[in-house]
C-alpha cells in the first residue's frame, strides 16, 4: 500500500526518464524538443505535488482554519510554464532556421554536411 502513496513520485520518475531518453536517443531535433518538454512537465508535476498540503486551504485568515497551503510554488510554476513556452518557441524557431539552412533536421545528416564542407 505504501507504493500507492508515492504514486506522484512514480509518475515524475517515469516522465523524467521518458523525456531524458527521448533527448538522448533521438537524432531528430523536433523529437528532442518534445523530450525536453516532457522532462519539463515532470519537474512541474514534482514541484506542485511537493507543495500540496493535505487538508490545507488558501491562506486567508478565517475562524476554524488551522492548516494553510503556500501559494508560492504554484505561482512559480505558472512563471516556469511561461518560460517553458518561450523556450519551446525559440527552439522551434531554431529548428526552422536549421531546416532552411541544411535541408534537414536530423543531427547525423547535419553533422555529415558540416564535416564535408
PDB file of N, CA and C in Angstrom:
ATOM      1  N   UNK A   1       0.812  -1.197   0.000  1.00  0.00           N
ATOM      2  CA  UNK A   1       0.000   0.000   0.000  1.00  0.00           C
ATOM      3  C   UNK A   1       0.853   1.258   0.000  1.00  0.00           C
ATOM      4  N   UNK A   2       2.085   1.137   0.458  1.00  0.00           N
ATOM      5  CA  UNK A   2       2.952   2.309   0.530  1.00  0.00           C
ATOM      6  C   UNK A   2       3.273   2.841  -0.861  1.00  0.00           C
ATOM      7  N   UNK A   3       3.344   1.956  -1.845  1.00  0.00           N
ATOM      8  CA  UNK A   3       3.664   2.384  -3.218  1.00  0.00           C
ATOM      9  C   UNK A   3       2.563   3.283  -3.781  1.00  0.00           C
ATOM     10  N   UNK A   4       1.321   3.051  -3.406  1.00  0.00           N
ATOM     11  CA  UNK A   4       0.242   3.905  -3.895  1.00  0.00           C
ATOM     12  C   UNK A   4       0.332   5.308  -3.315  1.00  0.00           C
ATOM     13  N   UNK A   5       0.851   5.427  -2.117  1.00  0.00           N
ATOM     14  CA  UNK A   5       1.024   6.730  -1.507  1.00  0.00           C
ATOM     15  C   UNK A   5       2.120   7.547  -2.186  1.00  0.00           C
ATOM     16  N   UNK A   6       2.984   6.865  -2.925  1.00  0.00           N
ATOM     17  CA  UNK A   6       4.074   7.526  -3.629  1.00  0.00           C
ATOM     18  C   UNK A   6       3.826   7.568  -5.135  1.00  0.00           C
ATOM     19  N   UNK A   7       2.574   7.499  -5.526  1.00  0.00           N
ATOM     20  CA  UNK A   7       2.226   7.437  -6.945  1.00  0.00           C
ATOM     21  C   UNK A   7       2.765   8.651  -7.718  1.00  0.00           C
ATOM     22  N   UNK A   8       2.678   9.835  -7.125  1.00  0.00           N
ATOM     23  CA  UNK A   8       3.147  11.029  -7.826  1.00  0.00           C
ATOM     24  C   UNK A   8       4.645  10.945  -8.109  1.00  0.00           C
ATOM     25  N   UNK A   9       5.418  10.341  -7.214  1.00  0.00           N
ATOM     26  CA  UNK A   9       6.846  10.194  -7.460  1.00  0.00           C
ATOM     27  C   UNK A   9       7.125   9.234  -8.609  1.00  0.00           C
ATOM     28  N   UNK A  10       6.338   8.174  -8.677  1.00  0.00           N
ATOM     29  CA  UNK A  10       6.499   7.226  -9.787  1.00  0.00           C
ATOM     30  C   UNK A  10       6.183   7.897 -11.118  1.00  0.00           C
ATOM     31  N   UNK A  11       5.152   8.713 -11.125  1.00  0.00           N
ATOM     32  CA  UNK A  11       4.801   9.442 -12.354  1.00  0.00           C
ATOM     33  C   UNK A  11       5.934  10.394 -12.740  1.00  0.00           C
ATOM     34  N   UNK A  12       6.485  11.084 -11.767  1.00  0.00           N
ATOM     35  CA  UNK A  12       7.582  12.025 -12.039  1.00  0.00           C
ATOM     36  C   UNK A  12       8.801  11.290 -12.584  1.00  0.00           C
ATOM     37  N   UNK A  13       9.159  10.179 -11.958  1.00  0.00           N
ATOM     38  CA  UNK A  13      10.323   9.411 -12.420  1.00  0.00           C
ATOM     39  C   UNK A  13      10.091   8.888 -13.830  1.00  0.00           C
ATOM     40  N   UNK A  14       8.890   8.384 -14.098  1.00  0.00           N
ATOM     41  CA  UNK A  14       8.586   7.877 -15.438  1.00  0.00           C
ATOM     42  C   UNK A  14       8.678   8.989 -16.481  1.00  0.00           C
ATOM     43  N   UNK A  15       8.088  10.145 -16.187  1.00  0.00           N
ATOM     44  CA  UNK A  15       8.138  11.260 -17.140  1.00  0.00           C
ATOM     45  C   UNK A  15       9.565  11.767 -17.341  1.00  0.00           C
ATOM     46  N   UNK A  16      10.328  11.866 -16.262  1.00  0.00           N
ATOM     47  CA  UNK A  16      11.712  12.334 -16.389  1.00  0.00           C
ATOM     48  C   UNK A  16      12.551  11.380 -17.228  1.00  0.00           C
ATOM     49  N   UNK A  17      12.431  10.100 -16.963  1.00  0.00           N
ATOM     50  CA  UNK A  17      13.231   9.130 -17.710  1.00  0.00           C
ATOM     51  C   UNK A  17      12.781   9.044 -19.171  1.00  0.00           C
ATOM     52  N   UNK A  18      11.488   9.200 -19.408  1.00  0.00           N
ATOM     53  CA  UNK A  18      10.994   9.216 -20.778  1.00  0.00           C
ATOM     54  C   UNK A  18      11.538  10.421 -21.531  1.00  0.00           C
ATOM     55  N   UNK A  19      11.446  11.592 -20.934  1.00  0.00           N
ATOM     56  CA  UNK A  19      11.972  12.796 -21.570  1.00  0.00           C
ATOM     57  C   UNK A  19      13.465  12.723 -21.783  1.00  0.00           C
ATOM     58  N   UNK A  20      14.203  12.221 -20.778  1.00  0.00           N
ATOM     59  CA  UNK A  20      15.656  12.091 -20.892  1.00  0.00           C
ATOM     60  C   UNK A  20      16.028  11.115 -21.999  1.00  0.00           C
ATOM     61  N   UNK A  21      15.320   9.989 -22.081  1.00  0.00           N
ATOM     62  CA  UNK A  21      15.589   9.007 -23.127  1.00  0.00           C
ATOM     63  C   UNK A  21      15.352   9.603 -24.515  1.00  0.00           C
ATOM     64  N   UNK A  22      14.266  10.337 -24.674  1.00  0.00           N
ATOM     65  CA  UNK A  22      13.960  10.936 -25.977  1.00  0.00           C
ATOM     66  C   UNK A  22      15.054  11.921 -26.376  1.00  0.00           C
ATOM     67  N   UNK A  23      15.526  12.729 -25.435  1.00  0.00           N
ATOM     68  CA  UNK A  23      16.574  13.705 -25.749  1.00  0.00           C
ATOM     69  C   UNK A  23      17.865  13.000 -26.139  1.00  0.00           C
ATOM     70  N   UNK A  24      18.224  11.944 -25.433  1.00  0.00           N
ATOM     71  CA  UNK A  24      19.488  11.250 -25.688  1.00  0.00           C
ATOM     72  C   UNK A  24      19.412  10.361 -26.924  1.00  0.00           C
ATOM     73  N   UNK A  25      18.330   9.632 -27.101  1.00  0.00           N
ATOM     74  CA  UNK A  25      18.271   8.585 -28.125  1.00  0.00           C
ATOM     75  C   UNK A  25      17.866   9.082 -29.509  1.00  0.00           C
ATOM     76  N   UNK A  26      17.146  10.167 -29.596  1.00  0.00           N
ATOM     77  CA  UNK A  26      16.628  10.615 -30.887  1.00  0.00           C
ATOM     78  C   UNK A  26      17.596  11.578 -31.562  1.00  0.00           C
ATOM     79  N   UNK A  27      17.675  11.475 -32.884  1.00  0.00           N
ATOM     80  CA  UNK A  27      18.507  12.377 -33.658  1.00  0.00           C
ATOM     81  C   UNK A  27      17.718  13.505 -34.288  1.00  0.00           C
ATOM     82  N   UNK A  28      16.417  13.386 -34.280  1.00  0.00           N
ATOM     83  CA  UNK A  28      15.555  14.403 -34.857  1.00  0.00           C
ATOM     84  C   UNK A  28      15.413  15.566 -33.870  1.00  0.00           C
ATOM     85  N   UNK A  29      15.654  16.773 -34.345  1.00  0.00           N
ATOM     86  CA  UNK A  29      15.623  17.934 -33.451  1.00  0.00           C
ATOM     87  C   UNK A  29      14.230  18.212 -32.890  1.00  0.00           C
ATOM     88  N   UNK A  30      13.195  17.947 -33.664  1.00  0.00           N
ATOM     89  CA  UNK A  30      11.823  18.142 -33.162  1.00  0.00           C
ATOM     90  C   UNK A  30      11.528  17.174 -32.014  1.00  0.00           C
ATOM     91  N   UNK A  31      11.973  15.945 -32.149  1.00  0.00           N
ATOM     92  CA  UNK A  31      11.754  14.955 -31.094  1.00  0.00           C
ATOM     93  C   UNK A  31      12.526  15.340 -29.834  1.00  0.00           C
ATOM     94  N   UNK A  32      13.688  15.942 -30.002  1.00  0.00           N
ATOM     95  CA  UNK A  32      14.452  16.398 -28.844  1.00  0.00           C
ATOM     96  C   UNK A  32      13.703  17.505 -28.100  1.00  0.00           C
ATOM     97  N   UNK A  33      13.066  18.398 -28.834  1.00  0.00           N
ATOM     98  CA  UNK A  33      12.286  19.462 -28.186  1.00  0.00           C
ATOM     99  C   UNK A  33      11.101  18.866 -27.429  1.00  0.00           C
ATOM    100  N   UNK A  34      10.454  17.868 -28.024  1.00  0.00           N
ATOM    101  CA  UNK A  34       9.355  17.192 -27.334  1.00  0.00           C
ATOM    102  C   UNK A  34       9.868  16.505 -26.067  1.00  0.00           C
ATOM    103  N   UNK A  35      11.030  15.863 -26.142  1.00  0.00           N
ATOM    104  CA  UNK A  35      11.618  15.228 -24.964  1.00  0.00           C
ATOM    105  C   UNK A  35      11.928  16.228 -23.867  1.00  0.00           C
ATOM    106  N   UNK A  36      12.447  17.387 -24.235  1.00  0.00           N
ATOM    107  CA  UNK A  36      12.710  18.428 -23.248  1.00  0.00           C
ATOM    108  C   UNK A  36      11.419  18.904 -22.588  1.00  0.00           C
ATOM    109  N   UNK A  37      10.356  19.000 -23.363  1.00  0.00           N
ATOM    110  CA  UNK A  37       9.064  19.411 -22.800  1.00  0.00           C
ATOM    111  C   UNK A  37       8.512  18.359 -21.837  1.00  0.00           C
ATOM    112  N   UNK A  38       8.692  17.091 -22.165  1.00  0.00           N
ATOM    113  CA  UNK A  38       8.242  16.027 -21.266  1.00  0.00           C
ATOM    114  C   UNK A  38       9.019  16.093 -19.954  1.00  0.00           C
ATOM    115  N   UNK A  39      10.321  16.298 -20.052  1.00  0.00           N
ATOM    116  CA  UNK A  39      11.152  16.429 -18.859  1.00  0.00           C
ATOM    117  C   UNK A  39      10.705  17.628 -18.024  1.00  0.00           C
ATOM    118  N   UNK A  40      10.394  18.708 -18.704  1.00  0.00           N
ATOM    119  CA  UNK A  40       9.955  19.926 -18.020  1.00  0.00           C
ATOM    120  C   UNK A  40       8.630  19.694 -17.293  1.00  0.00           C
ATOM    121  N   UNK A  41       7.720  18.990 -17.901  1.00  0.00           N
ATOM    122  CA  UNK A  41       6.439  18.679 -17.256  1.00  0.00           C
ATOM    123  C   UNK A  41       6.665  17.831 -16.013  1.00  0.00           C
ATOM    124  N   UNK A  42       7.640  16.934 -16.067  1.00  0.00           N
ATOM    125  CA  UNK A  42       7.947  16.116 -14.893  1.00  0.00           C
ATOM    126  C   UNK A  42       8.397  16.996 -13.728  1.00  0.00           C
ATOM    127  N   UNK A  43       9.194  17.997 -14.010  1.00  0.00           N
ATOM    128  CA  UNK A  43       9.637  18.913 -12.959  1.00  0.00           C
ATOM    129  C   UNK A  43       8.445  19.691 -12.400  1.00  0.00           C
ATOM    130  N   UNK A  44       7.544  20.120 -13.273  1.00  0.00           N
ATOM    131  CA  UNK A  44       6.346  20.828 -12.812  1.00  0.00           C
ATOM    132  C   UNK A  44       5.511  19.955 -11.888  1.00  0.00           C
ATOM    133  N   UNK A  45       5.269  18.722 -12.307  1.00  0.00           N
ATOM    134  CA  UNK A  45       4.452  17.805 -11.502  1.00  0.00           C
ATOM    135  C   UNK A  45       5.122  17.553 -10.159  1.00  0.00           C
ATOM    136  N   UNK A  46       6.433  17.368 -10.165  1.00  0.00           N
ATOM    137  CA  UNK A  46       7.154  17.132  -8.913  1.00  0.00           C
ATOM    138  C   UNK A  46       7.020  18.325  -7.972  1.00  0.00           C
ATOM    139  N   UNK A  47       7.233  19.493  -8.482  1.00  0.00           N
ATOM    140  CA  UNK A  47       7.206  20.694  -7.640  1.00  0.00           C
ATOM    141  C   UNK A  47       5.808  20.941  -7.074  1.00  0.00           C
ATOM    142  N   UNK A  48       4.792  20.775  -7.902  1.00  0.00           N
ATOM    143  CA  UNK A  48       3.423  21.004  -7.434  1.00  0.00           C
ATOM    144  C   UNK A  48       3.004  19.926  -6.435  1.00  0.00           C
ATOM    145  N   UNK A  49       3.383  18.666  -6.691  1.00  0.00           N
ATOM    146  CA  UNK A  49       2.991  17.608  -5.760  1.00  0.00           C
ATOM    147  C   UNK A  49       3.705  17.753  -4.417  1.00  0.00           C
ATOM    148  N   UNK A  50       4.906  18.309  -4.417  1.00  0.00           N
ATOM    149  CA  UNK A  50       5.602  18.551  -3.153  1.00  0.00           C
ATOM    150  C   UNK A  50       4.954  19.705  -2.381  1.00  0.00           C
ATOM    151  N   UNK A  51       4.360  20.644  -3.097  1.00  0.00           N
ATOM    152  CA  UNK A  51       3.778  21.822  -2.451  1.00  0.00           C
ATOM    153  C   UNK A  51       2.378  21.557  -1.902  1.00  0.00           C
ATOM    154  N   UNK A  52       1.756  20.461  -2.281  1.00  0.00           N
ATOM    155  CA  UNK A  52       0.402  20.167  -1.822  1.00  0.00           C
ATOM    156  C   UNK A  52       0.405  19.805  -0.352  1.00  0.00           C
ATOM    157  N   UNK A  53      -0.442  20.487   0.411  1.00  0.00           N
ATOM    158  CA  UNK A  53      -0.584  20.212   1.837  1.00  0.00           C
ATOM    159  C   UNK A  53      -1.952  19.552   2.037  1.00  0.00           C
ATOM    160  N   UNK A  54      -1.950  18.353   2.594  1.00  0.00           N
ATOM    161  CA  UNK A  54      -3.211  17.640   2.796  1.00  0.00           C
ATOM    162  C   UNK A  54      -4.073  18.385   3.808  1.00  0.00           C
ATOM    163  N   UNK A  55      -5.264  18.732   3.387  1.00  0.00           N
ATOM    164  CA  UNK A  55      -6.182  19.458   4.256  1.00  0.00           C
ATOM    165  C   UNK A  55      -5.933  20.953   4.292  1.00  0.00           C
ATOM    166  N   UNK A  56      -4.970  21.421   3.536  1.00  0.00           N
ATOM    167  CA  UNK A  56      -4.643  22.838   3.535  1.00  0.00           C
ATOM    168  C   UNK A  56      -5.625  23.641   2.696  1.00  0.00           C
ATOM    169  N   UNK A  57      -5.841  24.868   3.125  1.00  0.00           N
ATOM    170  CA  UNK A  57      -6.725  25.763   2.388  1.00  0.00           C
ATOM    171  C   UNK A  57      -5.939  26.985   1.939  1.00  0.00           C
ATOM    172  N   UNK A  58      -6.597  27.851   1.214  1.00  0.00           N
ATOM    173  CA  UNK A  58      -5.966  29.092   0.774  1.00  0.00           C
ATOM    174  C   UNK A  58      -5.570  29.912   1.997  1.00  0.00           C
ATOM    175  N   UNK A  59      -4.472  30.663   1.906  1.00  0.00           N
ATOM    176  CA  UNK A  59      -4.003  31.415   3.074  1.00  0.00           C
ATOM    177  C   UNK A  59      -4.831  32.669   3.347  1.00  0.00           C
ATOM    178  N   UNK A  60      -6.093  32.446   3.658  1.00  0.00           N
ATOM    179  CA  UNK A  60      -7.000  33.536   4.019  1.00  0.00           C
ATOM    180  C   UNK A  60      -7.398  33.304   5.471  1.00  0.00           C
ATOM    181  N   UNK A  61      -7.147  34.283   6.302  1.00  0.00           N
ATOM    182  CA  UNK A  61      -7.444  34.127   7.725  1.00  0.00           C
ATOM    183  C   UNK A  61      -8.949  34.022   7.943  1.00  0.00           C
ATOM    184  N   UNK A  62      -9.329  32.954   8.604  1.00  0.00           N
ATOM    185  CA  UNK A  62     -10.736  32.732   8.930  1.00  0.00           C
ATOM    186  C   UNK A  62     -10.800  31.881  10.193  1.00  0.00           C
ATOM    187  N   UNK A  63     -11.934  31.929  10.845  1.00  0.00           N
ATOM    188  CA  UNK A  63     -12.106  31.151  12.075  1.00  0.00           C
ATOM    189  C   UNK A  63     -12.173  29.659  11.754  1.00  0.00           C
ATOM    190  N   UNK A  64     -11.497  28.861  12.558  1.00  0.00           N
ATOM    191  CA  UNK A  64     -11.570  27.407  12.426  1.00  0.00           C
ATOM    192  C   UNK A  64     -10.583  26.811  11.434  1.00  0.00           C
ATOM    193  N   UNK A  65      -9.852  27.616  10.719  1.00  0.00           N
ATOM    194  CA  UNK A  65      -8.882  27.085   9.749  1.00  0.00           C
ATOM    195  C   UNK A  65      -7.493  27.163  10.366  1.00  0.00           C
ATOM    196  N   UNK A  66      -6.840  26.006  10.420  1.00  0.00           N
ATOM    197  CA  UNK A  66      -5.525  25.961  11.036  1.00  0.00           C
ATOM    198  C   UNK A  66      -4.418  25.561  10.061  1.00  0.00           C
ATOM    199  N   UNK A  67      -4.768  24.892   8.968  1.00  0.00           N
ATOM    200  CA  UNK A  67      -3.762  24.398   8.024  1.00  0.00           C
ATOM    201  C   UNK A  67      -3.897  25.185   6.729  1.00  0.00           C
ATOM    202  N   UNK A  68      -2.813  25.819   6.349  1.00  0.00           N
ATOM    203  CA  UNK A  68      -2.815  26.631   5.131  1.00  0.00           C
ATOM    204  C   UNK A  68      -1.835  26.059   4.112  1.00  0.00           C
ATOM    205  N   UNK A  69      -2.164  26.263   2.843  1.00  0.00           N
ATOM    206  CA  UNK A  69      -1.264  25.896   1.749  1.00  0.00           C
ATOM    207  C   UNK A  69      -0.510  27.137   1.312  1.00  0.00           C
ATOM    208  N   UNK A  70       0.745  26.951   0.971  1.00  0.00           N
ATOM    209  CA  UNK A  70       1.552  28.052   0.474  1.00  0.00           C
ATOM    210  C   UNK A  70       1.299  28.213  -1.032  1.00  0.00           C
ATOM    211  N   UNK A  71       0.833  29.362  -1.498  1.00  0.00           N
ATOM    212  CA  UNK A  71       0.550  29.535  -2.927  1.00  0.00           C
ATOM    213  C   UNK A  71       1.798  29.827  -3.761  1.00  0.00           C
ATOM    214  N   UNK A  72       2.919  30.099  -3.125  1.00  0.00           N
ATOM    215  CA  UNK A  72       4.127  30.475  -3.859  1.00  0.00           C
ATOM    216  C   UNK A  72       4.601  29.414  -4.857  1.00  0.00           C
ATOM    217  N   UNK A  73       4.652  28.124  -4.515  1.00  0.00           N
ATOM    218  CA  UNK A  73       5.089  27.144  -5.515  1.00  0.00           C
ATOM    219  C   UNK A  73       4.209  27.122  -6.761  1.00  0.00           C
ATOM    220  N   UNK A  74       2.920  27.299  -6.585  1.00  0.00           N
ATOM    221  CA  UNK A  74       2.023  27.288  -7.731  1.00  0.00           C
ATOM    222  C   UNK A  74       2.252  28.505  -8.617  1.00  0.00           C
ATOM    223  N   UNK A  75       2.514  29.634  -7.999  1.00  0.00           N
ATOM    224  CA  UNK A  75       2.810  30.853  -8.763  1.00  0.00           C
ATOM    225  C   UNK A  75       4.126  30.692  -9.511  1.00  0.00           C
ATOM    226  N   UNK A  76       5.110  30.093  -8.868  1.00  0.00           N
ATOM    227  CA  UNK A  76       6.397  29.862  -9.524  1.00  0.00           C
ATOM    228  C   UNK A  76       6.250  28.912 -10.707  1.00  0.00           C
ATOM    229  N   UNK A  77       5.398  27.932 -10.585  1.00  0.00           N
ATOM    230  CA  UNK A  77       5.182  27.007 -11.699  1.00  0.00           C
ATOM    231  C   UNK A  77       4.498  27.716 -12.858  1.00  0.00           C
ATOM    232  N   UNK A  78       3.562  28.621 -12.572  1.00  0.00           N
ATOM    233  CA  UNK A  78       2.950  29.402 -13.651  1.00  0.00           C
ATOM    234  C   UNK A  78       4.011  30.200 -14.409  1.00  0.00           C
ATOM    235  N   UNK A  79       4.938  30.784 -13.673  1.00  0.00           N
ATOM    236  CA  UNK A  79       6.029  31.514 -14.308  1.00  0.00           C
ATOM    237  C   UNK A  79       6.906  30.566 -15.121  1.00  0.00           C
ATOM    238  N   UNK A  80       7.186  29.392 -14.570  1.00  0.00           N
ATOM    239  CA  UNK A  80       8.006  28.408 -15.282  1.00  0.00           C
ATOM    240  C   UNK A  80       7.320  27.920 -16.551  1.00  0.00           C
ATOM    241  N   UNK A  81       6.004  27.817 -16.535  1.00  0.00           N
ATOM    242  CA  UNK A  81       5.274  27.408 -17.736  1.00  0.00           C
ATOM    243  C   UNK A  81       5.433  28.457 -18.829  1.00  0.00           C
ATOM    244  N   UNK A  82       5.345  29.726 -18.455  1.00  0.00           N
ATOM    245  CA  UNK A  82       5.523  30.797 -19.437  1.00  0.00           C
ATOM    246  C   UNK A  82       6.942  30.761 -20.017  1.00  0.00           C
ATOM    247  N   UNK A  83       7.927  30.577 -19.153  1.00  0.00           N
ATOM    248  CA  UNK A  83       9.311  30.477 -19.624  1.00  0.00           C
ATOM    249  C   UNK A  83       9.485  29.249 -20.510  1.00  0.00           C
ATOM    250  N   UNK A  84       8.840  28.147 -20.149  1.00  0.00           N
ATOM    251  CA  UNK A  84       8.914  26.932 -20.959  1.00  0.00           C
ATOM    252  C   UNK A  84       8.314  27.108 -22.337  1.00  0.00           C
ATOM    253  N   UNK A  85       7.202  27.806 -22.413  1.00  0.00           N
ATOM    254  CA  UNK A  85       6.580  28.067 -23.718  1.00  0.00           C
ATOM    255  C   UNK A  85       7.495  28.939 -24.573  1.00  0.00           C
ATOM    256  N   UNK A  86       8.101  29.948 -23.957  1.00  0.00           N
ATOM    257  CA  UNK A  86       9.027  30.817 -24.699  1.00  0.00           C
ATOM    258  C   UNK A  86      10.253  30.042 -25.168  1.00  0.00           C
ATOM    259  N   UNK A  87      10.778  29.164 -24.323  1.00  0.00           N
ATOM    260  CA  UNK A  87      11.927  28.349 -24.698  1.00  0.00           C
ATOM    261  C   UNK A  87      11.575  27.394 -25.828  1.00  0.00           C
ATOM    262  N   UNK A  88      10.401  26.803 -25.759  1.00  0.00           N
ATOM    263  CA  UNK A  88       9.952  25.914 -26.829  1.00  0.00           C
ATOM    264  C   UNK A  88       9.791  26.675 -28.139  1.00  0.00           C
ATOM    265  N   UNK A  89       9.240  27.870 -28.071  1.00  0.00           N
ATOM    266  CA  UNK A  89       9.092  28.690 -29.281  1.00  0.00           C
ATOM    267  C   UNK A  89      10.451  29.022 -29.886  1.00  0.00           C
ATOM    268  N   UNK A  90      11.403  29.358 -29.045  1.00  0.00           N
ATOM    269  CA  UNK A  90      12.756  29.643 -29.536  1.00  0.00           C
ATOM    270  C   UNK A  90      13.381  28.406 -30.154  1.00  0.00           C
ATOM    271  N   UNK A  91      13.221  27.263 -29.509  1.00  0.00           N
ATOM    272  CA  UNK A  91      13.748  26.013 -30.063  1.00  0.00           C
ATOM    273  C   UNK A  91      13.126  25.679 -31.405  1.00  0.00           C
ATOM    274  N   UNK A  92      11.824  25.868 -31.528  1.00  0.00           N
ATOM    275  CA  UNK A  92      11.158  25.595 -32.802  1.00  0.00           C
ATOM    276  C   UNK A  92      11.606  26.574 -33.886  1.00  0.00           C
ATOM    277  N   UNK A  93      11.823  27.824 -33.502  1.00  0.00           N
ATOM    278  CA  UNK A  93      12.329  28.799 -34.474  1.00  0.00           C
ATOM    279  C   UNK A  93      13.724  28.415 -34.948  1.00  0.00           C
ATOM    280  N   UNK A  94      14.563  27.927 -34.036  1.00  0.00           N
ATOM    281  CA  UNK A  94      15.895  27.467 -34.428  1.00  0.00           C
ATOM    282  C   UNK A  94      15.825  26.255 -35.354  1.00  0.00           C
ATOM    283  N   UNK A  95      14.902  25.350 -35.062  1.00  0.00           N
ATOM    284  CA  UNK A  95      14.739  24.175 -35.932  1.00  0.00           C
ATOM    285  C   UNK A  95      14.315  24.608 -37.334  1.00  0.00           C
ATOM    286  N   UNK A  96      13.429  25.585 -37.431  1.00  0.00           N
ATOM    287  CA  UNK A  96      13.006  26.084 -38.747  1.00  0.00           C
ATOM    288  C   UNK A  96      14.198  26.670 -39.495  1.00  0.00           C
ATOM    289  N   UNK A  97      15.023  27.447 -38.791  1.00  0.00           N
ATOM    290  CA  UNK A  97      16.212  28.039 -39.424  1.00  0.00           C
ATOM    291  C   UNK A  97      17.226  26.969 -39.833  1.00  0.00           C
ATOM    292  N   UNK A  98      17.404  25.963 -39.001  1.00  0.00           N
ATOM    293  CA  UNK A  98      18.320  24.872 -39.333  1.00  0.00           C
ATOM    294  C   UNK A  98      17.807  24.113 -40.545  1.00  0.00           C
ATOM    295  N   UNK A  99      16.514  23.883 -40.601  1.00  0.00           N
ATOM    296  CA  UNK A  99      15.913  23.187 -41.756  1.00  0.00           C
ATOM    297  C   UNK A  99      16.121  23.994 -43.031  1.00  0.00           C
ATOM    298  N   UNK A 100      15.969  25.307 -42.930  1.00  0.00           N
ATOM    299  CA  UNK A 100      16.157  26.164 -44.094  1.00  0.00           C
ATOM    300  C   UNK A 100      17.624  26.167 -44.543  1.00  0.00           C
ATOM    301  N   UNK A 101      18.545  26.157 -43.589  1.00  0.00           N
ATOM    302  CA  UNK A 101      19.977  26.225 -43.918  1.00  0.00           C
ATOM    303  C   UNK A 101      20.523  24.889 -44.418  1.00  0.00           C
ATOM    304  N   UNK A 102      20.122  23.781 -43.810  1.00  0.00           N
ATOM    305  CA  UNK A 102      20.705  22.480 -44.126  1.00  0.00           C
ATOM    306  C   UNK A 102      19.773  21.551 -44.902  1.00  0.00           C
ATOM    307  N   UNK A 103      18.500  21.851 -44.926  1.00  0.00           N
ATOM    308  CA  UNK A 103      17.557  20.991 -45.636  1.00  0.00           C
ATOM    309  C   UNK A 103      17.134  19.764 -44.852  1.00  0.00           C
ATOM    310  N   UNK A 104      17.515  19.661 -43.597  1.00  0.00           N
ATOM    311  CA  UNK A 104      17.162  18.517 -42.760  1.00  0.00           C
ATOM    312  C   UNK A 104      17.170  18.942 -41.297  1.00  0.00           C
ATOM    313  N   UNK A 105      16.507  18.131 -40.454  1.00  0.00           N
ATOM    314  CA  UNK A 105      16.551  18.378 -39.014  1.00  0.00           C
ATOM    315  C   UNK A 105      17.090  17.154 -38.284  1.00  0.00           C
ATOM    316  N   UNK A 106      17.740  16.259 -38.999  1.00  0.00           N
ATOM    317  CA  UNK A 106      18.379  15.090 -38.399  1.00  0.00           C
ATOM    318  C   UNK A 106      19.817  15.441 -38.027  1.00  0.00           C
ATOM    319  N   UNK A 107      20.204  15.152 -36.780  1.00  0.00           N
ATOM    320  CA  UNK A 107      21.524  15.517 -36.286  1.00  0.00           C
ATOM    321  C   UNK A 107      22.663  14.919 -37.098  1.00  0.00           C
ATOM    322  N   UNK A 108      22.566  13.628 -37.411  1.00  0.00           N
ATOM    323  CA  UNK A 108      23.667  12.975 -38.122  1.00  0.00           C
ATOM    324  C   UNK A 108      23.839  13.519 -39.536  1.00  0.00           C
ATOM    325  N   UNK A 109      22.747  13.857 -40.188  1.00  0.00           N
ATOM    326  CA  UNK A 109      22.844  14.430 -41.536  1.00  0.00           C
ATOM    327  C   UNK A 109      23.463  15.826 -41.489  1.00  0.00           C
ATOM    328  N   UNK A 110      23.092  16.616 -40.492  1.00  0.00           N
ATOM    329  CA  UNK A 110      23.679  17.953 -40.341  1.00  0.00           C
ATOM    330  C   UNK A 110      25.172  17.839 -40.046  1.00  0.00           C
ATOM    331  N   UNK A 111      25.546  16.889 -39.196  1.00  0.00           N
ATOM    332  CA  UNK A 111      26.957  16.696 -38.865  1.00  0.00           C
ATOM    333  C   UNK A 111      27.755  16.249 -40.080  1.00  0.00           C
ATOM    334  N   UNK A 112      27.191  15.369 -40.901  1.00  0.00           N
ATOM    335  CA  UNK A 112      27.899  14.936 -42.105  1.00  0.00           C
ATOM    336  C   UNK A 112      28.026  16.079 -43.108  1.00  0.00           C
ATOM    337  N   UNK A 113      27.014  16.928 -43.194  1.00  0.00           N
ATOM    338  CA  UNK A 113      27.101  18.092 -44.070  1.00  0.00           C
ATOM    339  C   UNK A 113      28.188  19.058 -43.587  1.00  0.00           C
ATOM    340  N   UNK A 114      28.300  19.225 -42.281  1.00  0.00           N
ATOM    341  CA  UNK A 114      29.329  20.093 -41.713  1.00  0.00           C
ATOM    342  C   UNK A 114      30.722  19.504 -41.911  1.00  0.00           C
ATOM    343  N   UNK A 115      30.841  18.192 -41.795  1.00  0.00           N
ATOM    344  CA  UNK A 115      32.144  17.555 -41.984  1.00  0.00           C
ATOM    345  C   UNK A 115      32.612  17.622 -43.432  1.00  0.00           C
ATOM    346  N   UNK A 116      31.664  17.555 -44.378  1.00  0.00           N
ATOM    347  CA  UNK A 116      32.003  17.603 -45.803  1.00  0.00           C
ATOM    348  C   UNK A 116      32.485  18.991 -46.229  1.00  0.00           C
ATOM    349  N   UNK A 117      32.010  20.037 -45.578  1.00  0.00           N
ATOM    350  CA  UNK A 117      32.385  21.367 -46.023  1.00  0.00           C
ATOM    351  C   UNK A 117      33.591  21.914 -45.320  1.00  0.00           C
TER     352      UNK A 117
END
